[in-house]
């Protein structure tokens, strides 16, 4: 993945970022953040910048039933509460 120094923006992205800076009266030092904002606003244009789907969410999970509760077991009996 490209670092901040290696990031390449299109001419359209640059023009839109410059317009954003002028419109909001921001200093030119904010250009990098404006470029990132424009990229996020319109989505990643290159395959390496696209957000991938969560691989864990795609794994099927088997549904199981809870074990049968044994009411005869002394350890599983309800506890009396005294006020």
C-alpha atoms as a PDB file:
ATOM      1  CA  UNK A   1       0.000   0.000   0.000  1.00  0.00           C
ATOM      2  CA  UNK A   2       1.298   3.490  -0.835  1.00  0.00           C
ATOM      3  CA  UNK A   3       2.461   5.805   1.917  1.00  0.00           C
ATOM      4  CA  UNK A   4       1.387   9.439   2.191  1.00  0.00           C
ATOM      5  CA  UNK A   5       4.443  10.610   0.232  1.00  0.00           C
ATOM      6  CA  UNK A   6       3.745   8.165  -2.633  1.00  0.00           C
ATOM      7  CA  UNK A   7       0.021   8.936  -2.943  1.00  0.00           C
ATOM      8  CA  UNK A   8      -0.936   9.957  -6.487  1.00  0.00           C
ATOM      9  CA  UNK A   9      -4.049  12.055  -7.106  1.00  0.00           C
ATOM     10  CA  UNK A  10      -5.791  12.709 -10.400  1.00  0.00           C
ATOM     11  CA  UNK A  11      -6.095  16.178 -11.901  1.00  0.00           C
ATOM     12  CA  UNK A  12      -9.830  16.176 -11.158  1.00  0.00           C
ATOM     13  CA  UNK A  13      -9.188  15.311  -7.513  1.00  0.00           C
ATOM     14  CA  UNK A  14      -6.595  18.078  -7.262  1.00  0.00           C
ATOM     15  CA  UNK A  15      -8.914  20.644  -8.842  1.00  0.00           C
ATOM     16  CA  UNK A  16     -11.748  19.684  -6.529  1.00  0.00           C
ATOM     17  CA  UNK A  17      -9.449  19.867  -3.495  1.00  0.00           C
ATOM     18  CA  UNK A  18      -8.261  23.327  -4.562  1.00  0.00           C
ATOM     19  CA  UNK A  19     -11.872  24.450  -4.983  1.00  0.00           C
ATOM     20  CA  UNK A  20     -12.653  23.062  -1.509  1.00  0.00           C
ATOM     21  CA  UNK A  21      -9.749  25.042  -0.014  1.00  0.00           C
ATOM     22  CA  UNK A  22     -10.847  28.288  -1.697  1.00  0.00           C
ATOM     23  CA  UNK A  23     -14.517  27.760  -0.836  1.00  0.00           C
ATOM     24  CA  UNK A  24     -13.785  27.207   2.861  1.00  0.00           C
ATOM     25  CA  UNK A  25     -10.949  29.763   2.986  1.00  0.00           C
ATOM     26  CA  UNK A  26      -8.431  27.211   4.227  1.00  0.00           C
ATOM     27  CA  UNK A  27      -4.656  27.670   4.088  1.00  0.00           C
ATOM     28  CA  UNK A  28      -2.705  25.796   1.406  1.00  0.00           C
ATOM     29  CA  UNK A  29      -1.083  23.735   4.145  1.00  0.00           C
ATOM     30  CA  UNK A  30      -4.397  21.854   4.320  1.00  0.00           C
ATOM     31  CA  UNK A  31      -4.127  20.673   0.690  1.00  0.00           C
ATOM     32  CA  UNK A  32      -3.100  17.130   1.605  1.00  0.00           C
ATOM     33  CA  UNK A  33      -6.139  16.799   3.893  1.00  0.00           C
ATOM     34  CA  UNK A  34      -8.413  18.284   1.239  1.00  0.00           C
ATOM     35  CA  UNK A  35      -7.107  15.737  -1.274  1.00  0.00           C
ATOM     36  CA  UNK A  36      -7.789  12.906   1.160  1.00  0.00           C
ATOM     37  CA  UNK A  37     -11.262  14.327   1.819  1.00  0.00           C
ATOM     38  CA  UNK A  38     -12.038  14.407  -1.903  1.00  0.00           C
ATOM     39  CA  UNK A  39     -10.801  10.835  -2.319  1.00  0.00           C
ATOM     40  CA  UNK A  40     -12.940   9.622   0.577  1.00  0.00           C
ATOM     41  CA  UNK A  41     -15.930  11.642  -0.624  1.00  0.00           C
ATOM     42  CA  UNK A  42     -15.904  10.038  -4.074  1.00  0.00           C
ATOM     43  CA  UNK A  43     -14.570   6.648  -3.064  1.00  0.00           C
ATOM     44  CA  UNK A  44     -11.296   5.007  -3.978  1.00  0.00           C
ATOM     45  CA  UNK A  45     -10.615   5.092  -7.711  1.00  0.00           C
ATOM     46  CA  UNK A  46      -7.867   2.488  -7.866  1.00  0.00           C
ATOM     47  CA  UNK A  47      -8.233  -1.170  -6.823  1.00  0.00           C
ATOM     48  CA  UNK A  48      -5.468  -0.901  -4.227  1.00  0.00           C
ATOM     49  CA  UNK A  49      -7.317   1.913  -2.395  1.00  0.00           C
ATOM     50  CA  UNK A  50     -10.679   0.158  -2.238  1.00  0.00           C
ATOM     51  CA  UNK A  51     -11.985  -1.021   1.097  1.00  0.00           C
ATOM     52  CA  UNK A  52     -12.343  -4.784   1.133  1.00  0.00           C
ATOM     53  CA  UNK A  53     -15.343  -6.524   2.614  1.00  0.00           C
ATOM     54  CA  UNK A  54     -14.879  -7.897   6.104  1.00  0.00           C
ATOM     55  CA  UNK A  55     -13.695 -11.499   5.532  1.00  0.00           C
ATOM     56  CA  UNK A  56     -14.874 -12.588   8.996  1.00  0.00           C
ATOM     57  CA  UNK A  57     -18.460 -11.519   8.223  1.00  0.00           C
ATOM     58  CA  UNK A  58     -18.488 -13.821   5.187  1.00  0.00           C
ATOM     59  CA  UNK A  59     -17.627 -16.984   7.122  1.00  0.00           C
ATOM     60  CA  UNK A  60     -20.780 -19.058   7.708  1.00  0.00           C
ATOM     61  CA  UNK A  61     -21.472 -19.797  11.343  1.00  0.00           C
ATOM     62  CA  UNK A  62     -23.161 -23.033  12.305  1.00  0.00           C
ATOM     63  CA  UNK A  63     -26.237 -22.600  14.484  1.00  0.00           C
ATOM     64  CA  UNK A  64     -26.413 -24.910  17.478  1.00  0.00           C
ATOM     65  CA  UNK A  65     -29.038 -25.501  20.133  1.00  0.00           C
ATOM     66  CA  UNK A  66     -28.182 -25.005  23.781  1.00  0.00           C
ATOM     67  CA  UNK A  67     -27.855 -28.144  25.877  1.00  0.00           C
ATOM     68  CA  UNK A  68     -30.992 -29.459  27.540  1.00  0.00           C
ATOM     69  CA  UNK A  69     -31.361 -28.100  31.067  1.00  0.00           C
ATOM     70  CA  UNK A  70     -31.418 -30.816  33.717  1.00  0.00           C
ATOM     71  CA  UNK A  71     -33.916 -29.741  36.388  1.00  0.00           C
ATOM     72  CA  UNK A  72     -33.063 -32.769  38.530  1.00  0.00           C
ATOM     73  CA  UNK A  73     -29.450 -31.673  38.981  1.00  0.00           C
ATOM     74  CA  UNK A  74     -29.039 -30.160  42.451  1.00  0.00           C
ATOM     75  CA  UNK A  75     -26.394 -27.676  41.280  1.00  0.00           C
ATOM     76  CA  UNK A  76     -28.767 -26.140  38.725  1.00  0.00           C
ATOM     77  CA  UNK A  77     -31.632 -25.468  41.158  1.00  0.00           C
ATOM     78  CA  UNK A  78     -32.666 -21.849  41.783  1.00  0.00           C
ATOM     79  CA  UNK A  79     -31.303 -20.174  44.889  1.00  0.00           C
ATOM     80  CA  UNK A  80     -33.750 -18.724  47.397  1.00  0.00           C
ATOM     81  CA  UNK A  81     -33.386 -15.029  48.128  1.00  0.00           C
ATOM     82  CA  UNK A  82     -34.000 -13.706  51.604  1.00  0.00           C
ATOM     83  CA  UNK A  83     -34.980 -10.035  51.953  1.00  0.00           C
END
